[in-house]
Amino acid sequence: MKNFITLAALLCISIPFATVALADFPEKPITYQIPFGPGGQSDLEARRQQPLLEESLGVKVIVQYKPGGGGSIGWATLIKKKPNGYFISGINIPHIVLQPLARGNAGYETDQLKPIALFQATPIGLAVLKDSPHKNLEDLIEYAKKNPAAVICGGSGTWSGHHIAHLQFSQMADINMTYIPSKGAAKSVAAFLGGHVKAIWGNSNDLVQHADKIRVLAFGTKAPFANMPDVPTFESKGYPLYASIDRGAGAPPDTPDDRIKILEQAFLKIASNPDVVQQMRKDGFVPLTMGAEASRIYIIEKIKEWAPVVKEFKK
């Protein structure tokens, strides 16, 4: 009887302590790193999330930038931080997969990044300026065949979603185009609008934002992109190119699952907010609501998918 009472007392004590331990996080500001420059999609979404995360978590959320290496510098920084939930980072797929596969030593391995949630996607399109002589995808291909390397395409990063789309399409169409990387989407778009490149591999929200100045030749989607339904898909033109950037947040390796869960719930609450969803769609984003475990499985699938692609282009 005495042992039973002691066990019961311990159980009663342990439950409140577990609850308190969970409630203790977070109790100080959280740093939210963006591994790209200001003004790009990752930054725009983090700024949208910032006040809502603060409201949900009850602490300040500090957004800071660590651009370079197609995101790899930021993710190499992330894995060295204390796994306590107070330092998190934006993660982009396929970037987090492509960098270690292509560089050999990107400063991190994809499986070291502990996903919290995936909340947004942007299909990738190929666009030219409105005054371009290339009226459609066929025009661009014909010109590129006659003028090898003369079509200069901008994009965000090396061994990024934009870069790999460029390589894949060039191979599919049997053409030679030149790719010029920028440190982030914002700089890439500025170079394109300034006439420094002839075409751009752009994220859907940038293409929607500048629709009056550009002509989108095709999107890397299975079905027409909802905001620009008249733009063909690469597939409809005979090129099975599917390209998109999926965005989310991740934490250092070994971050406790209970803290990941609290962060996951905060991000998914925002991603499910009807006003946020409506604004995302209006701005040219595709909303996602993928939790930590679903994101982990999705990333594993992407590693399997992209490994042979990178190996082919590194030959």
Foldseek 3Di string as FASTA:
>chain_A
DVVVVVVVVVVVVVVVVVVVVLLPPPDEEAEEEEQFDPPFPQNVVCVVLQVLLCVQRVYHYHYDYNFDQLSLRVVLVQQPDDLALRYKYKDKPPSLQQRCLQVVPSNDHSVQWQFLWWWWKFWWFKKFWPPDPQQAPVSVLVVQAVPAQPQEEEEAHDSYLFNLLVVLVCVQSVGHYHYDHDRHQVVRVVCRLVPVGGMYGHTQLSCLVPVVTMDTHATQDPAAQPSCNVHHHVVVVPRNGHTMMIMGMTHGGPNDPSSSNSVSVSSLVQSPPPVNCVVCVVSRMHTDNGGRVRVVVVNVVSSVVCNVSSVVVND
